[in-house]
Amino acid sequence: MQRIIGLDLGSKTVGIAKSDLMQLLASTHTTVNFQNNDYQQGLHLVVEELSKFDVEAIVLGLPKHMNGDIGVRGEISYDFKEKLEELGYKVILWDERLSTKTANQSLIMQNVSRKKRKTLIDQVAAVVILQSYLDSKH
C-alpha cells in the first residue's frame, strides 16, 4: 500500500511527515533545510525524500490568514504544489492554520526542551497537517 506524505513548507525548511501503510496515522519523518526562500532547492530536497516512499499523495499545508485570505506564503504553497504536480505527484492543499501552534503545544506537553523543539517543530507541524487530512478521510 502507498503512503500519504505531509509537508509543512517554510521559508528555510520543509517538515515532512508520513502516513502508515494503512493511511490512518501520521508520524514524523524529517526536516529538510534549504537556503532562505530558495524553493527550487527545497523542492529538490523534498523530491529526494519522496523517492524513499511509494507515494499516493502529498498533503501540503496551505497557510491562510485567520480570516481565510491567502497571502504571500499561501501563494508560495500554490507554486510549490504546481511544481510537485509537474513531477507527477498528486498534491492536496490543506488548511494549516494553527498547525505550528498545535505542534509546539504538543511538544511542550511532552516536556521536549526548547532546543529540541526547534529541530522538531516543522516535522510535528507536518504531522498535524497530515493527521488532520487522514482523519477527514475516515
N, C-alpha and C. Protein backbone atom coordinates (compact mmCIF):
# COMPACT_ATOMS: atom_id res chain seq x y z
N MET A 1 0.82 -1.18 0.00
CA MET A 1 0.00 0.00 0.00
C MET A 1 0.87 1.25 0.00
N GLN A 2 0.35 2.31 -0.50
CA GLN A 2 1.10 3.55 -0.60
C GLN A 2 0.91 4.43 0.62
N ARG A 3 1.84 5.36 0.78
CA ARG A 3 1.77 6.31 1.89
C ARG A 3 1.29 7.66 1.40
N ILE A 4 0.74 8.40 2.32
CA ILE A 4 0.43 9.80 2.07
C ILE A 4 1.47 10.60 2.85
N ILE A 5 2.02 11.61 2.21
CA ILE A 5 3.09 12.41 2.79
C ILE A 5 2.53 13.79 3.14
N GLY A 6 2.91 14.30 4.30
CA GLY A 6 2.52 15.64 4.72
C GLY A 6 3.71 16.57 4.67
N LEU A 7 3.50 17.79 4.18
CA LEU A 7 4.57 18.78 4.09
C LEU A 7 4.16 20.08 4.76
N ASP A 8 5.06 20.61 5.58
CA ASP A 8 4.90 21.94 6.17
C ASP A 8 6.02 22.80 5.60
N LEU A 9 5.69 23.63 4.61
CA LEU A 9 6.66 24.43 3.88
C LEU A 9 6.90 25.75 4.58
N GLY A 10 8.15 26.01 4.91
CA GLY A 10 8.55 27.28 5.48
C GLY A 10 9.48 28.01 4.54
N SER A 11 10.06 29.11 4.99
CA SER A 11 10.94 29.89 4.12
C SER A 11 12.35 29.31 4.06
N LYS A 12 12.71 28.43 5.02
CA LYS A 12 14.04 27.82 5.05
C LYS A 12 14.00 26.31 5.30
N THR A 13 12.82 25.79 5.64
CA THR A 13 12.71 24.37 5.98
C THR A 13 11.40 23.80 5.42
N VAL A 14 11.42 22.48 5.27
CA VAL A 14 10.18 21.75 4.98
C VAL A 14 10.11 20.60 5.97
N GLY A 15 9.08 20.60 6.80
CA GLY A 15 8.84 19.48 7.68
C GLY A 15 8.11 18.41 6.89
N ILE A 16 8.56 17.17 7.05
CA ILE A 16 7.97 16.06 6.30
C ILE A 16 7.44 15.01 7.27
N ALA A 17 6.19 14.63 7.05
CA ALA A 17 5.55 13.57 7.83
C ALA A 17 5.09 12.50 6.85
N LYS A 18 4.87 11.30 7.38
CA LYS A 18 4.42 10.19 6.53
C LYS A 18 3.29 9.46 7.22
N SER A 19 2.40 8.90 6.42
CA SER A 19 1.34 8.07 6.98
C SER A 19 1.88 6.65 7.15
N ASP A 20 1.18 5.87 7.96
CA ASP A 20 1.46 4.44 8.00
C ASP A 20 0.88 3.84 6.71
N LEU A 21 1.12 2.57 6.48
CA LEU A 21 0.67 1.95 5.24
C LEU A 21 -0.85 1.82 5.17
N MET A 22 -1.52 1.84 6.31
CA MET A 22 -2.99 1.80 6.32
C MET A 22 -3.60 3.20 6.14
N GLN A 23 -2.75 4.20 6.14
CA GLN A 23 -3.15 5.60 5.97
C GLN A 23 -4.09 6.07 7.08
N LEU A 24 -3.77 5.63 8.30
CA LEU A 24 -4.56 6.03 9.46
C LEU A 24 -3.81 6.98 10.38
N LEU A 25 -2.49 6.79 10.50
CA LEU A 25 -1.69 7.56 11.46
C LEU A 25 -0.53 8.26 10.78
N ALA A 26 -0.30 9.49 11.18
CA ALA A 26 0.83 10.26 10.69
C ALA A 26 1.96 10.20 11.70
N SER A 27 3.19 10.18 11.19
CA SER A 27 4.36 10.23 12.07
C SER A 27 5.42 11.11 11.43
N THR A 28 6.35 11.57 12.24
CA THR A 28 7.42 12.43 11.74
C THR A 28 8.33 11.63 10.81
N HIS A 29 8.91 12.32 9.86
CA HIS A 29 9.93 11.71 9.00
C HIS A 29 11.23 12.50 9.13
N THR A 30 11.25 13.74 8.65
CA THR A 30 12.47 14.54 8.72
C THR A 30 12.14 16.01 8.43
N THR A 31 13.13 16.84 8.62
CA THR A 31 13.06 18.24 8.20
C THR A 31 14.20 18.47 7.23
N VAL A 32 13.88 19.04 6.08
CA VAL A 32 14.94 19.41 5.14
C VAL A 32 15.14 20.91 5.22
N ASN A 33 16.41 21.31 5.18
CA ASN A 33 16.79 22.72 5.27
C ASN A 33 17.31 23.18 3.91
N PHE A 34 16.93 24.39 3.53
CA PHE A 34 17.40 24.95 2.27
C PHE A 34 17.71 26.43 2.48
N GLN A 35 18.40 27.02 1.52
CA GLN A 35 18.72 28.45 1.60
C GLN A 35 17.43 29.26 1.66
N ASN A 36 17.46 30.34 2.42
CA ASN A 36 16.29 31.18 2.63
C ASN A 36 15.61 31.54 1.30
N ASN A 37 14.34 31.16 1.18
CA ASN A 37 13.49 31.44 0.01
C ASN A 37 13.97 30.79 -1.29
N ASP A 38 14.85 29.80 -1.23
CA ASP A 38 15.28 29.07 -2.43
C ASP A 38 14.39 27.83 -2.55
N TYR A 39 13.18 28.04 -3.04
CA TYR A 39 12.19 26.97 -3.08
C TYR A 39 12.54 25.90 -4.12
N GLN A 40 13.37 26.25 -5.10
CA GLN A 40 13.81 25.24 -6.07
C GLN A 40 14.71 24.24 -5.36
N GLN A 41 15.60 24.71 -4.52
CA GLN A 41 16.46 23.83 -3.73
C GLN A 41 15.60 23.01 -2.77
N GLY A 42 14.63 23.66 -2.14
CA GLY A 42 13.72 22.95 -1.23
C GLY A 42 12.97 21.86 -1.95
N LEU A 43 12.49 22.16 -3.15
CA LEU A 43 11.78 21.16 -3.97
C LEU A 43 12.68 19.97 -4.26
N HIS A 44 13.90 20.23 -4.67
CA HIS A 44 14.86 19.15 -4.97
C HIS A 44 15.06 18.24 -3.75
N LEU A 45 15.24 18.85 -2.58
CA LEU A 45 15.47 18.07 -1.36
C LEU A 45 14.22 17.27 -0.96
N VAL A 46 13.04 17.87 -1.14
CA VAL A 46 11.80 17.15 -0.83
C VAL A 46 11.63 15.95 -1.76
N VAL A 47 11.90 16.15 -3.04
CA VAL A 47 11.76 15.06 -4.01
C VAL A 47 12.73 13.92 -3.68
N GLU A 48 13.92 14.26 -3.20
CA GLU A 48 14.86 13.23 -2.75
C GLU A 48 14.24 12.38 -1.64
N GLU A 49 13.60 13.04 -0.68
CA GLU A 49 12.96 12.32 0.42
C GLU A 49 11.76 11.51 -0.08
N LEU A 50 10.98 12.07 -1.01
CA LEU A 50 9.81 11.37 -1.53
C LEU A 50 10.20 10.08 -2.25
N SER A 51 11.40 10.06 -2.82
CA SER A 51 11.85 8.87 -3.55
C SER A 51 12.03 7.66 -2.63
N LYS A 52 12.04 7.88 -1.33
CA LYS A 52 12.19 6.79 -0.36
C LYS A 52 10.87 6.05 -0.12
N PHE A 53 9.77 6.58 -0.66
CA PHE A 53 8.44 6.03 -0.39
C PHE A 53 7.67 5.77 -1.68
N ASP A 54 6.70 4.90 -1.57
CA ASP A 54 5.70 4.73 -2.62
C ASP A 54 4.58 5.70 -2.25
N VAL A 55 4.54 6.84 -2.91
CA VAL A 55 3.69 7.97 -2.53
C VAL A 55 2.38 7.95 -3.31
N GLU A 56 1.27 7.90 -2.58
CA GLU A 56 -0.04 8.03 -3.22
C GLU A 56 -0.39 9.49 -3.43
N ALA A 57 -0.13 10.31 -2.42
CA ALA A 57 -0.47 11.73 -2.50
C ALA A 57 0.36 12.49 -1.48
N ILE A 58 0.41 13.80 -1.71
CA ILE A 58 1.09 14.71 -0.80
C ILE A 58 0.06 15.71 -0.28
N VAL A 59 0.05 15.90 1.03
CA VAL A 59 -0.81 16.91 1.65
C VAL A 59 0.11 18.07 2.04
N LEU A 60 -0.05 19.18 1.33
CA LEU A 60 0.80 20.35 1.53
C LEU A 60 0.02 21.39 2.32
N GLY A 61 0.60 21.82 3.42
CA GLY A 61 -0.05 22.83 4.24
C GLY A 61 -0.24 24.13 3.48
N LEU A 62 -1.44 24.68 3.55
CA LEU A 62 -1.75 25.96 2.92
C LEU A 62 -1.95 27.00 4.01
N PRO A 63 -0.97 27.91 4.16
CA PRO A 63 -1.12 28.93 5.19
C PRO A 63 -2.16 29.96 4.77
N LYS A 64 -3.12 30.18 5.65
CA LYS A 64 -4.15 31.19 5.43
C LYS A 64 -4.14 32.14 6.61
N HIS A 65 -4.58 33.36 6.33
CA HIS A 65 -4.79 34.29 7.44
C HIS A 65 -6.01 33.81 8.22
N MET A 66 -6.15 34.26 9.45
CA MET A 66 -7.25 33.80 10.28
C MET A 66 -8.62 34.11 9.66
N ASN A 67 -8.69 35.13 8.80
CA ASN A 67 -9.96 35.44 8.13
C ASN A 67 -10.18 34.61 6.87
N GLY A 68 -9.23 33.70 6.57
CA GLY A 68 -9.37 32.81 5.42
C GLY A 68 -8.68 33.30 4.15
N ASP A 69 -8.18 34.54 4.16
CA ASP A 69 -7.49 35.07 2.98
C ASP A 69 -6.17 34.34 2.75
N ILE A 70 -5.76 34.31 1.48
CA ILE A 70 -4.47 33.72 1.10
C ILE A 70 -3.48 34.87 0.90
N GLY A 71 -2.36 34.79 1.59
CA GLY A 71 -1.33 35.83 1.47
C GLY A 71 -0.15 35.34 0.65
N VAL A 72 0.97 35.99 0.81
CA VAL A 72 2.19 35.65 0.07
C VAL A 72 2.62 34.22 0.35
N ARG A 73 2.60 33.81 1.60
CA ARG A 73 3.01 32.44 1.96
C ARG A 73 2.09 31.42 1.28
N GLY A 74 0.83 31.72 1.21
CA GLY A 74 -0.11 30.82 0.54
C GLY A 74 0.17 30.72 -0.94
N GLU A 75 0.51 31.84 -1.56
CA GLU A 75 0.86 31.84 -2.99
C GLU A 75 2.10 30.98 -3.24
N ILE A 76 3.06 31.03 -2.33
CA ILE A 76 4.26 30.21 -2.44
C ILE A 76 3.87 28.72 -2.38
N SER A 77 2.94 28.38 -1.51
CA SER A 77 2.47 26.99 -1.43
C SER A 77 1.79 26.56 -2.72
N TYR A 78 0.99 27.44 -3.32
CA TYR A 78 0.37 27.12 -4.61
C TYR A 78 1.44 26.84 -5.67
N ASP A 79 2.50 27.66 -5.70
CA ASP A 79 3.59 27.45 -6.67
C ASP A 79 4.30 26.13 -6.42
N PHE A 80 4.55 25.82 -5.14
CA PHE A 80 5.23 24.58 -4.78
C PHE A 80 4.37 23.38 -5.21
N LYS A 81 3.07 23.49 -5.01
CA LYS A 81 2.13 22.45 -5.42
C LYS A 81 2.23 22.21 -6.93
N GLU A 82 2.22 23.28 -7.69
CA GLU A 82 2.31 23.15 -9.15
C GLU A 82 3.58 22.45 -9.58
N LYS A 83 4.69 22.79 -8.94
CA LYS A 83 5.97 22.16 -9.28
C LYS A 83 5.97 20.67 -8.95
N LEU A 84 5.38 20.31 -7.82
CA LEU A 84 5.28 18.89 -7.47
C LEU A 84 4.37 18.15 -8.46
N GLU A 85 3.29 18.79 -8.86
CA GLU A 85 2.38 18.18 -9.82
C GLU A 85 3.03 18.00 -11.18
N GLU A 86 3.87 18.94 -11.57
CA GLU A 86 4.62 18.81 -12.83
C GLU A 86 5.53 17.59 -12.81
N LEU A 87 5.93 17.18 -11.62
CA LEU A 87 6.78 15.99 -11.46
C LEU A 87 5.95 14.71 -11.32
N GLY A 88 4.63 14.85 -11.40
CA GLY A 88 3.76 13.68 -11.40
C GLY A 88 3.11 13.33 -10.08
N TYR A 89 3.29 14.16 -9.06
CA TYR A 89 2.69 13.88 -7.76
C TYR A 89 1.28 14.46 -7.67
N LYS A 90 0.40 13.74 -6.97
CA LYS A 90 -0.92 14.27 -6.64
C LYS A 90 -0.74 15.08 -5.35
N VAL A 91 -1.17 16.35 -5.39
CA VAL A 91 -0.96 17.23 -4.24
C VAL A 91 -2.30 17.82 -3.79
N ILE A 92 -2.54 17.71 -2.49
CA ILE A 92 -3.75 18.25 -1.88
C ILE A 92 -3.32 19.39 -0.96
N LEU A 93 -3.86 20.58 -1.19
CA LEU A 93 -3.60 21.70 -0.28
C LEU A 93 -4.53 21.57 0.91
N TRP A 94 -3.98 21.78 2.12
CA TRP A 94 -4.75 21.59 3.34
C TRP A 94 -4.54 22.77 4.27
N ASP A 95 -5.61 23.33 4.76
CA ASP A 95 -5.55 24.48 5.66
C ASP A 95 -4.66 24.15 6.86
N GLU A 96 -3.63 24.94 7.02
CA GLU A 96 -2.69 24.66 8.11
C GLU A 96 -2.76 25.68 9.24
N ARG A 97 -3.81 26.49 9.27
CA ARG A 97 -3.91 27.48 10.35
C ARG A 97 -3.75 26.81 11.71
N LEU A 98 -2.92 27.38 12.52
CA LEU A 98 -2.64 26.94 13.90
C LEU A 98 -1.87 25.63 14.00
N SER A 99 -1.42 25.05 12.88
CA SER A 99 -0.70 23.78 12.96
C SER A 99 0.61 23.92 13.73
N THR A 100 1.34 24.99 13.52
CA THR A 100 2.61 25.18 14.24
C THR A 100 2.34 25.41 15.72
N LYS A 101 1.31 26.16 16.04
CA LYS A 101 0.96 26.40 17.44
C LYS A 101 0.57 25.08 18.11
N THR A 102 -0.24 24.29 17.43
CA THR A 102 -0.65 22.98 17.96
C THR A 102 0.56 22.08 18.16
N ALA A 103 1.46 22.08 17.17
CA ALA A 103 2.67 21.26 17.26
C ALA A 103 3.53 21.69 18.44
N ASN A 104 3.70 22.98 18.61
CA ASN A 104 4.51 23.50 19.72
C ASN A 104 3.90 23.13 21.07
N GLN A 105 2.58 23.28 21.19
CA GLN A 105 1.92 22.91 22.44
C GLN A 105 2.09 21.42 22.73
N SER A 106 2.00 20.60 21.70
CA SER A 106 2.18 19.16 21.87
C SER A 106 3.58 18.84 22.38
N LEU A 107 4.58 19.49 21.81
CA LEU A 107 5.97 19.26 22.24
C LEU A 107 6.20 19.75 23.66
N ILE A 108 5.61 20.87 24.02
CA ILE A 108 5.73 21.40 25.38
C ILE A 108 5.11 20.41 26.37
N MET A 109 3.93 19.89 26.02
CA MET A 109 3.25 18.93 26.91
C MET A 109 4.07 17.66 27.11
N GLN A 110 4.91 17.35 26.13
CA GLN A 110 5.76 16.17 26.23
C GLN A 110 7.11 16.48 26.89
N ASN A 111 7.23 17.71 27.43
CA ASN A 111 8.45 18.16 28.10
C ASN A 111 9.68 18.13 27.20
N VAL A 112 9.50 18.41 25.92
CA VAL A 112 10.62 18.49 24.99
C VAL A 112 11.31 19.83 25.21
N SER A 113 12.63 19.80 25.33
CA SER A 113 13.37 21.03 25.59
C SER A 113 13.20 22.03 24.45
N ARG A 114 13.39 23.29 24.76
CA ARG A 114 13.26 24.36 23.76
C ARG A 114 14.19 24.10 22.57
N LYS A 115 15.41 23.69 22.84
CA LYS A 115 16.38 23.42 21.77
C LYS A 115 15.90 22.28 20.87
N LYS A 116 15.41 21.22 21.46
CA LYS A 116 14.93 20.08 20.70
C LYS A 116 13.63 20.43 19.94
N ARG A 117 12.77 21.25 20.57
CA ARG A 117 11.53 21.68 19.91
C ARG A 117 11.84 22.39 18.60
N LYS A 118 12.90 23.21 18.62
CA LYS A 118 13.26 23.97 17.43
C LYS A 118 13.60 23.03 16.26
N THR A 119 14.20 21.90 16.56
CA THR A 119 14.57 20.96 15.48
C THR A 119 13.39 20.09 15.04
N LEU A 120 12.39 19.93 15.89
CA LEU A 120 11.26 19.04 15.59
C LEU A 120 10.00 19.75 15.12
N ILE A 121 9.90 21.05 15.35
CA ILE A 121 8.63 21.75 15.16
C ILE A 121 8.06 21.60 13.76
N ASP A 122 8.89 21.67 12.73
CA ASP A 122 8.39 21.57 11.35
C ASP A 122 7.85 20.18 11.05
N GLN A 123 8.55 19.15 11.55
CA GLN A 123 8.07 17.78 11.35
C GLN A 123 6.74 17.56 12.07
N VAL A 124 6.65 18.05 13.28
CA VAL A 124 5.43 17.86 14.07
C VAL A 124 4.28 18.66 13.45
N ALA A 125 4.56 19.86 12.92
CA ALA A 125 3.53 20.62 12.22
C ALA A 125 3.06 19.84 10.99
N ALA A 126 3.97 19.19 10.29
CA ALA A 126 3.60 18.35 9.13
C ALA A 126 2.72 17.19 9.58
N VAL A 127 3.01 16.63 10.75
CA VAL A 127 2.17 15.55 11.30
C VAL A 127 0.76 16.08 11.59
N VAL A 128 0.67 17.27 12.17
CA VAL A 128 -0.63 17.87 12.48
C VAL A 128 -1.44 18.05 11.19
N ILE A 129 -0.81 18.57 10.16
CA ILE A 129 -1.46 18.77 8.86
C ILE A 129 -1.92 17.44 8.28
N LEU A 130 -1.00 16.48 8.24
CA LEU A 130 -1.31 15.18 7.65
C LEU A 130 -2.37 14.43 8.45
N GLN A 131 -2.26 14.45 9.78
CA GLN A 131 -3.24 13.73 10.60
C GLN A 131 -4.64 14.33 10.43
N SER A 132 -4.71 15.63 10.32
CA SER A 132 -5.99 16.28 10.10
C SER A 132 -6.61 15.80 8.79
N TYR A 133 -5.80 15.70 7.76
CA TYR A 133 -6.28 15.19 6.47
C TYR A 133 -6.72 13.72 6.59
N LEU A 134 -5.89 12.89 7.21
CA LEU A 134 -6.20 11.47 7.35
C LEU A 134 -7.51 11.28 8.12
N ASP A 135 -7.68 12.06 9.20
CA ASP A 135 -8.91 11.96 10.00
C ASP A 135 -10.13 12.34 9.17
N SER A 136 -9.98 13.30 8.28
CA SER A 136 -11.12 13.72 7.46
C SER A 136 -11.53 12.65 6.45
N LYS A 137 -10.62 11.77 6.12
CA LYS A 137 -10.91 10.70 5.15
C LYS A 137 -11.70 9.55 5.79
N HIS A 138 -11.57 9.40 7.11
CA HIS A 138 -12.14 8.21 7.77
C HIS A 138 -13.32 8.57 8.62
